[in-house]
PDB file of N, CA and C in Angstrom:
ATOM      1  N   MET A   1     -74.056  14.648 -49.780  1.00  0.00           N
ATOM      2  CA  MET A   1     -72.899  13.912 -50.266  1.00  0.00           C
ATOM      3  C   MET A   1     -72.132  13.389 -49.055  1.00  0.00           C
ATOM      4  N   GLY A   2     -71.684  12.151 -49.123  1.00  0.00           N
ATOM      5  CA  GLY A   2     -70.912  11.541 -48.058  1.00  0.00           C
ATOM      6  C   GLY A   2     -69.708  10.822 -48.631  1.00  0.00           C
ATOM      7  N   GLU A   3     -69.015  10.127 -47.791  1.00  0.00           N
ATOM      8  CA  GLU A   3     -67.852   9.362 -48.225  1.00  0.00           C
ATOM      9  C   GLU A   3     -68.040   7.903 -47.854  1.00  0.00           C
ATOM     10  N   THR A   4     -67.597   7.025 -48.724  1.00  0.00           N
ATOM     11  CA  THR A   4     -67.644   5.598 -48.442  1.00  0.00           C
ATOM     12  C   THR A   4     -66.220   5.059 -48.406  1.00  0.00           C
ATOM     13  N   LEU A   5     -66.020   4.076 -47.583  1.00  0.00           N
ATOM     14  CA  LEU A   5     -64.727   3.418 -47.479  1.00  0.00           C
ATOM     15  C   LEU A   5     -64.734   2.229 -48.424  1.00  0.00           C
ATOM     16  N   GLN A   6     -63.763   2.186 -49.320  1.00  0.00           N
ATOM     17  CA  GLN A   6     -63.696   1.119 -50.316  1.00  0.00           C
ATOM     18  C   GLN A   6     -62.370   0.391 -50.202  1.00  0.00           C
ATOM     19  N   ILE A   7     -62.395  -0.882 -50.564  1.00  0.00           N
ATOM     20  CA  ILE A   7     -61.186  -1.690 -50.506  1.00  0.00           C
ATOM     21  C   ILE A   7     -60.911  -2.331 -51.857  1.00  0.00           C
ATOM     22  N   ASP A   8     -59.648  -2.359 -52.217  1.00  0.00           N
ATOM     23  CA  ASP A   8     -59.201  -3.078 -53.408  1.00  0.00           C
ATOM     24  C   ASP A   8     -58.799  -4.475 -52.925  1.00  0.00           C
ATOM     25  N   ARG A   9     -59.670  -5.429 -53.128  1.00  0.00           N
ATOM     26  CA  ARG A   9     -59.445  -6.784 -52.605  1.00  0.00           C
ATOM     27  C   ARG A   9     -58.262  -7.489 -53.265  1.00  0.00           C
ATOM     28  N   ILE A  10     -57.882  -7.063 -54.443  1.00  0.00           N
ATOM     29  CA  ILE A  10     -56.708  -7.641 -55.110  1.00  0.00           C
ATOM     30  C   ILE A  10     -55.429  -7.187 -54.393  1.00  0.00           C
ATOM     31  N   ARG A  11     -55.380  -5.924 -54.017  1.00  0.00           N
ATOM     32  CA  ARG A  11     -54.191  -5.380 -53.343  1.00  0.00           C
ATOM     33  C   ARG A  11     -54.064  -5.801 -51.891  1.00  0.00           C
ATOM     34  N   CYS A  12     -55.183  -5.985 -51.221  1.00  0.00           N
ATOM     35  CA  CYS A  12     -55.180  -6.232 -49.778  1.00  0.00           C
ATOM     36  C   CYS A  12     -54.430  -7.525 -49.446  1.00  0.00           C
ATOM     37  N   ASP A  13     -53.520  -7.430 -48.463  1.00  0.00           N
ATOM     38  CA  ASP A  13     -52.759  -8.585 -47.995  1.00  0.00           C
ATOM     39  C   ASP A  13     -53.224  -9.062 -46.618  1.00  0.00           C
ATOM     40  N   GLY A  14     -54.258  -8.418 -46.081  1.00  0.00           N
ATOM     41  CA  GLY A  14     -54.796  -8.848 -44.800  1.00  0.00           C
ATOM     42  C   GLY A  14     -53.961  -8.462 -43.596  1.00  0.00           C
ATOM     43  N   HIS A  15     -53.309  -7.302 -43.631  1.00  0.00           N
ATOM     44  CA  HIS A  15     -52.514  -6.850 -42.484  1.00  0.00           C
ATOM     45  C   HIS A  15     -53.385  -6.520 -41.279  1.00  0.00           C
ATOM     46  N   GLY A  16     -54.607  -6.050 -41.507  1.00  0.00           N
ATOM     47  CA  GLY A  16     -55.546  -5.792 -40.426  1.00  0.00           C
ATOM     48  C   GLY A  16     -55.455  -4.440 -39.756  1.00  0.00           C
ATOM     49  N   LEU A  17     -54.598  -3.547 -40.243  1.00  0.00           N
ATOM     50  CA  LEU A  17     -54.481  -2.223 -39.622  1.00  0.00           C
ATOM     51  C   LEU A  17     -55.786  -1.447 -39.705  1.00  0.00           C
ATOM     52  N   CYS A  18     -56.518  -1.611 -40.787  1.00  0.00           N
ATOM     53  CA  CYS A  18     -57.781  -0.886 -40.954  1.00  0.00           C
ATOM     54  C   CYS A  18     -58.759  -1.253 -39.845  1.00  0.00           C
ATOM     55  N   ALA A  19     -58.827  -2.519 -39.497  1.00  0.00           N
ATOM     56  CA  ALA A  19     -59.739  -2.956 -38.439  1.00  0.00           C
ATOM     57  C   ALA A  19     -59.278  -2.471 -37.069  1.00  0.00           C
ATOM     58  N   GLU A  20     -57.979  -2.356 -36.871  1.00  0.00           N
ATOM     59  CA  GLU A  20     -57.462  -1.843 -35.596  1.00  0.00           C
ATOM     60  C   GLU A  20     -57.752  -0.359 -35.448  1.00  0.00           C
ATOM     61  N   LEU A  21     -57.620   0.385 -36.554  1.00  0.00           N
ATOM     62  CA  LEU A  21     -57.803   1.831 -36.508  1.00  0.00           C
ATOM     63  C   LEU A  21     -59.265   2.259 -36.633  1.00  0.00           C
ATOM     64  N   LEU A  22     -60.100   1.413 -37.202  1.00  0.00           N
ATOM     65  CA  LEU A  22     -61.494   1.781 -37.461  1.00  0.00           C
ATOM     66  C   LEU A  22     -62.432   0.602 -37.195  1.00  0.00           C
ATOM     67  N   PRO A  23     -62.453   0.118 -35.955  1.00  0.00           N
ATOM     68  CA  PRO A  23     -63.275  -1.058 -35.653  1.00  0.00           C
ATOM     69  C   PRO A  23     -64.773  -0.814 -35.790  1.00  0.00           C
ATOM     70  N   GLU A  24     -65.191   0.447 -35.797  1.00  0.00           N
ATOM     71  CA  GLU A  24     -66.609   0.767 -35.951  1.00  0.00           C
ATOM     72  C   GLU A  24     -67.123   0.412 -37.345  1.00  0.00           C
ATOM     73  N   LEU A  25     -66.223   0.401 -38.338  1.00  0.00           N
ATOM     74  CA  LEU A  25     -66.646   0.160 -39.724  1.00  0.00           C
ATOM     75  C   LEU A  25     -65.993  -1.054 -40.366  1.00  0.00           C
ATOM     76  N   VAL A  26     -64.935  -1.568 -39.751  1.00  0.00           N
ATOM     77  CA  VAL A  26     -64.194  -2.663 -40.376  1.00  0.00           C
ATOM     78  C   VAL A  26     -64.038  -3.817 -39.380  1.00  0.00           C
ATOM     79  N   SER A  27     -64.379  -5.001 -39.827  1.00  0.00           N
ATOM     80  CA  SER A  27     -64.094  -6.206 -39.050  1.00  0.00           C
ATOM     81  C   SER A  27     -63.263  -7.128 -39.952  1.00  0.00           C
ATOM     82  N   LEU A  28     -62.720  -8.181 -39.373  1.00  0.00           N
ATOM     83  CA  LEU A  28     -61.882  -9.101 -40.148  1.00  0.00           C
ATOM     84  C   LEU A  28     -62.563 -10.454 -40.262  1.00  0.00           C
ATOM     85  N   ASP A  29     -62.392 -11.085 -41.423  1.00  0.00           N
ATOM     86  CA  ASP A  29     -62.926 -12.439 -41.584  1.00  0.00           C
ATOM     87  C   ASP A  29     -61.955 -13.440 -40.964  1.00  0.00           C
ATOM     88  N   GLU A  30     -62.251 -14.715 -41.090  1.00  0.00           N
ATOM     89  CA  GLU A  30     -61.421 -15.738 -40.440  1.00  0.00           C
ATOM     90  C   GLU A  30     -59.999 -15.822 -40.993  1.00  0.00           C
ATOM     91  N   TRP A  31     -59.746 -15.232 -42.162  1.00  0.00           N
ATOM     92  CA  TRP A  31     -58.398 -15.230 -42.744  1.00  0.00           C
ATOM     93  C   TRP A  31     -57.673 -13.907 -42.518  1.00  0.00           C
ATOM     94  N   GLY A  32     -58.342 -12.965 -41.843  1.00  0.00           N
ATOM     95  CA  GLY A  32     -57.719 -11.678 -41.550  1.00  0.00           C
ATOM     96  C   GLY A  32     -57.968 -10.603 -42.579  1.00  0.00           C
ATOM     97  N   TYR A  33     -58.879 -10.846 -43.509  1.00  0.00           N
ATOM     98  CA  TYR A  33     -59.196  -9.839 -44.529  1.00  0.00           C
ATOM     99  C   TYR A  33     -60.389  -9.000 -44.078  1.00  0.00           C
ATOM    100  N   PRO A  34     -60.393  -7.719 -44.450  1.00  0.00           N
ATOM    101  CA  PRO A  34     -61.418  -6.810 -43.939  1.00  0.00           C
ATOM    102  C   PRO A  34     -62.801  -7.027 -44.549  1.00  0.00           C
ATOM    103  N   ILE A  35     -63.795  -6.805 -43.691  1.00  0.00           N
ATOM    104  CA  ILE A  35     -65.193  -6.764 -44.094  1.00  0.00           C
ATOM    105  C   ILE A  35     -65.690  -5.378 -43.714  1.00  0.00           C
ATOM    106  N   MET A  36     -66.116  -4.607 -44.709  1.00  0.00           N
ATOM    107  CA  MET A  36     -66.551  -3.232 -44.483  1.00  0.00           C
ATOM    108  C   MET A  36     -68.052  -3.173 -44.257  1.00  0.00           C
ATOM    109  N   LYS A  37     -68.477  -2.304 -43.350  1.00  0.00           N
ATOM    110  CA  LYS A  37     -69.901  -2.034 -43.193  1.00  0.00           C
ATOM    111  C   LYS A  37     -70.357  -1.226 -44.399  1.00  0.00           C
ATOM    112  N   ALA A  38     -71.515  -1.550 -44.905  1.00  0.00           N
ATOM    113  CA  ALA A  38     -72.057  -0.840 -46.069  1.00  0.00           C
ATOM    114  C   ALA A  38     -72.521   0.559 -45.654  1.00  0.00           C
ATOM    115  N   GLY A  39     -72.519   1.459 -46.592  1.00  0.00           N
ATOM    116  CA  GLY A  39     -73.021   2.804 -46.353  1.00  0.00           C
ATOM    117  C   GLY A  39     -71.922   3.840 -46.262  1.00  0.00           C
ATOM    118  N   THR A  40     -72.338   5.045 -45.985  1.00  0.00           N
ATOM    119  CA  THR A  40     -71.388   6.148 -45.897  1.00  0.00           C
ATOM    120  C   THR A  40     -70.724   6.181 -44.523  1.00  0.00           C
ATOM    121  N   VAL A  41     -69.569   6.776 -44.488  1.00  0.00           N
ATOM    122  CA  VAL A  41     -68.816   6.926 -43.238  1.00  0.00           C
ATOM    123  C   VAL A  41     -69.454   8.076 -42.451  1.00  0.00           C
ATOM    124  N   PRO A  42     -69.853   7.847 -41.213  1.00  0.00           N
ATOM    125  CA  PRO A  42     -70.412   8.935 -40.398  1.00  0.00           C
ATOM    126  C   PRO A  42     -69.397  10.065 -40.244  1.00  0.00           C
ATOM    127  N   ALA A  43     -69.908  11.283 -40.177  1.00  0.00           N
ATOM    128  CA  ALA A  43     -69.034  12.460 -40.068  1.00  0.00           C
ATOM    129  C   ALA A  43     -68.076  12.350 -38.887  1.00  0.00           C
ATOM    130  N   SER A  44     -68.528  11.744 -37.803  1.00  0.00           N
ATOM    131  CA  SER A  44     -67.683  11.628 -36.615  1.00  0.00           C
ATOM    132  C   SER A  44     -66.504  10.668 -36.810  1.00  0.00           C
ATOM    133  N   LEU A  45     -66.556   9.828 -37.870  1.00  0.00           N
ATOM    134  CA  LEU A  45     -65.493   8.845 -38.109  1.00  0.00           C
ATOM    135  C   LEU A  45     -64.652   9.133 -39.349  1.00  0.00           C
ATOM    136  N   VAL A  46     -64.931  10.219 -40.043  1.00  0.00           N
ATOM    137  CA  VAL A  46     -64.209  10.504 -41.288  1.00  0.00           C
ATOM    138  C   VAL A  46     -62.709  10.646 -41.045  1.00  0.00           C
ATOM    139  N   GLU A  47     -62.308  11.356 -39.997  1.00  0.00           N
ATOM    140  CA  GLU A  47     -60.870  11.519 -39.721  1.00  0.00           C
ATOM    141  C   GLU A  47     -60.217  10.178 -39.395  1.00  0.00           C
ATOM    142  N   HIS A  48     -60.903   9.325 -38.661  1.00  0.00           N
ATOM    143  CA  HIS A  48     -60.377   7.989 -38.354  1.00  0.00           C
ATOM    144  C   HIS A  48     -60.254   7.160 -39.640  1.00  0.00           C
ATOM    145  N   ALA A  49     -61.228   7.305 -40.523  1.00  0.00           N
ATOM    146  CA  ALA A  49     -61.189   6.584 -41.798  1.00  0.00           C
ATOM    147  C   ALA A  49     -60.004   7.059 -42.637  1.00  0.00           C
ATOM    148  N   ARG A  50     -59.743   8.354 -42.629  1.00  0.00           N
ATOM    149  CA  ARG A  50     -58.585   8.883 -43.382  1.00  0.00           C
ATOM    150  C   ARG A  50     -57.278   8.333 -42.821  1.00  0.00           C
ATOM    151  N   ARG A  51     -57.203   8.211 -41.505  1.00  0.00           N
ATOM    152  CA  ARG A  51     -55.997   7.634 -40.893  1.00  0.00           C
ATOM    153  C   ARG A  51     -55.818   6.177 -41.305  1.00  0.00           C
ATOM    154  N   ALA A  52     -56.911   5.439 -41.344  1.00  0.00           N
ATOM    155  CA  ALA A  52     -56.839   4.038 -41.764  1.00  0.00           C
ATOM    156  C   ALA A  52     -56.392   3.937 -43.219  1.00  0.00           C
ATOM    157  N   VAL A  53     -56.903   4.807 -44.071  1.00  0.00           N
ATOM    158  CA  VAL A  53     -56.491   4.826 -45.484  1.00  0.00           C
ATOM    159  C   VAL A  53     -54.998   5.123 -45.584  1.00  0.00           C
ATOM    160  N   ASP A  54     -54.542   6.131 -44.850  1.00  0.00           N
ATOM    161  CA  ASP A  54     -53.124   6.513 -44.889  1.00  0.00           C
ATOM    162  C   ASP A  54     -52.215   5.427 -44.320  1.00  0.00           C
ATOM    163  N   ALA A  55     -52.710   4.642 -43.364  1.00  0.00           N
ATOM    164  CA  ALA A  55     -51.884   3.623 -42.694  1.00  0.00           C
ATOM    165  C   ALA A  55     -51.790   2.317 -43.471  1.00  0.00           C
ATOM    166  N   CYS A  56     -52.655   2.110 -44.450  1.00  0.00           N
ATOM    167  CA  CYS A  56     -52.650   0.835 -45.172  1.00  0.00           C
ATOM    168  C   CYS A  56     -51.308   0.638 -45.885  1.00  0.00           C
ATOM    169  N   PRO A  57     -50.573  -0.418 -45.545  1.00  0.00           N
ATOM    170  CA  PRO A  57     -49.231  -0.598 -46.112  1.00  0.00           C
ATOM    171  C   PRO A  57     -49.230  -0.936 -47.601  1.00  0.00           C
ATOM    172  N   VAL A  58     -50.345  -1.402 -48.135  1.00  0.00           N
ATOM    173  CA  VAL A  58     -50.381  -1.754 -49.565  1.00  0.00           C
ATOM    174  C   VAL A  58     -51.339  -0.856 -50.353  1.00  0.00           C
ATOM    175  N   LEU A  59     -51.803   0.226 -49.712  1.00  0.00           N
ATOM    176  CA  LEU A  59     -52.686   1.211 -50.356  1.00  0.00           C
ATOM    177  C   LEU A  59     -53.952   0.581 -50.928  1.00  0.00           C
ATOM    178  N   ALA A  60     -54.542  -0.335 -50.157  1.00  0.00           N
ATOM    179  CA  ALA A  60     -55.736  -1.029 -50.623  1.00  0.00           C
ATOM    180  C   ALA A  60     -57.035  -0.319 -50.222  1.00  0.00           C
ATOM    181  N   LEU A  61     -56.943   0.679 -49.367  1.00  0.00           N
ATOM    182  CA  LEU A  61     -58.134   1.409 -48.928  1.00  0.00           C
ATOM    183  C   LEU A  61     -58.206   2.772 -49.577  1.00  0.00           C
ATOM    184  N   ARG A  62     -59.453   3.229 -49.773  1.00  0.00           N
ATOM    185  CA  ARG A  62     -59.638   4.601 -50.222  1.00  0.00           C
ATOM    186  C   ARG A  62     -60.989   5.105 -49.754  1.00  0.00           C
ATOM    187  N   LEU A  63     -61.060   6.415 -49.598  1.00  0.00           N
ATOM    188  CA  LEU A  63     -62.321   7.074 -49.298  1.00  0.00           C
ATOM    189  C   LEU A  63     -62.828   7.668 -50.598  1.00  0.00           C
ATOM    190  N   ALA A  64     -64.047   7.338 -50.946  1.00  0.00           N
ATOM    191  CA  ALA A  64     -64.627   7.842 -52.187  1.00  0.00           C
ATOM    192  C   ALA A  64     -65.868   8.656 -51.852  1.00  0.00           C
ATOM    193  N   ARG A  65     -66.021   9.766 -52.534  1.00  0.00           N
ATOM    194  CA  ARG A  65     -67.229  10.571 -52.351  1.00  0.00           C
ATOM    195  C   ARG A  65     -68.388   9.876 -53.031  1.00  0.00           C
ATOM    196  N   SER A  66     -69.512   9.901 -52.373  1.00  0.00           N
ATOM    197  CA  SER A  66     -70.695   9.267 -52.944  1.00  0.00           C
ATOM    198  C   SER A  66     -71.864  10.235 -52.879  1.00  0.00           C
ATOM    199  N   LEU A  67     -72.701  10.147 -53.855  1.00  0.00           N
ATOM    200  CA  LEU A  67     -73.905  10.967 -53.872  1.00  0.00           C
ATOM    201  C   LEU A  67     -74.993  10.229 -53.119  1.00  0.00           C
ATOM    202  N   GLN A  68     -75.662  10.915 -52.271  1.00  0.00           N
ATOM    203  CA  GLN A  68     -76.802  10.326 -51.571  1.00  0.00           C
ATOM    204  C   GLN A  68     -78.052  10.889 -52.218  1.00  0.00           C
ATOM    205  N   LEU A  69     -78.689  10.057 -53.006  1.00  0.00           N
ATOM    206  CA  LEU A  69     -79.875  10.504 -53.713  1.00  0.00           C
ATOM    207  C   LEU A  69     -81.100  10.352 -52.821  1.00  0.00           C
ATOM    208  N   GLY A  70     -81.920  11.361 -52.808  1.00  0.00           N
ATOM    209  CA  GLY A  70     -83.151  11.286 -52.025  1.00  0.00           C
ATOM    210  C   GLY A  70     -84.190  10.441 -52.724  1.00  0.00           C
ATOM    211  N   ARG A  71     -85.097   9.914 -51.931  1.00  0.00           N
ATOM    212  CA  ARG A  71     -86.184   9.111 -52.483  1.00  0.00           C
ATOM    213  C   ARG A  71     -87.269  10.019 -53.024  1.00  0.00           C
ATOM    214  N   VAL A  72     -87.821   9.629 -54.118  1.00  0.00           N
ATOM    215  CA  VAL A  72     -88.933  10.382 -54.683  1.00  0.00           C
ATOM    216  C   VAL A  72     -90.155   9.483 -54.646  1.00  0.00           C
ATOM    217  N   ASP A  73     -91.203   9.952 -53.960  1.00  0.00           N
ATOM    218  CA  ASP A  73     -92.446   9.181 -53.910  1.00  0.00           C
ATOM    219  C   ASP A  73     -93.282   9.492 -55.141  1.00  0.00           C
ATOM    220  N   ALA A  74     -93.860   8.473 -55.723  1.00  0.00           N
ATOM    221  CA  ALA A  74     -94.660   8.649 -56.931  1.00  0.00           C
ATOM    222  C   ALA A  74     -96.138   8.805 -56.596  1.00  0.00           C
ATOM    223  N   SER A  75     -96.457   9.531 -55.534  1.00  0.00           N
ATOM    224  CA  SER A  75     -97.855   9.695 -55.114  1.00  0.00           C
ATOM    225  C   SER A  75     -98.527  10.796 -55.893  1.00  0.00           C
TER     226      SER A  75
END
């Protein structure tokens, strides 16, 4: 089980704090809105991701737990 960083695009005003606090996972588009890297947040960045979530002035970010399902080969 891991955590993914999710954004509510309706709430986001493009302040850019998430990209400043977590540049490893968040970049900004040409209008200043965040683009998230797909996948789970690496364990080494979870605390940084929590800080970015807490710092968002419009509460547009959240960390969600995700299930990582293993692959099953049909051999």
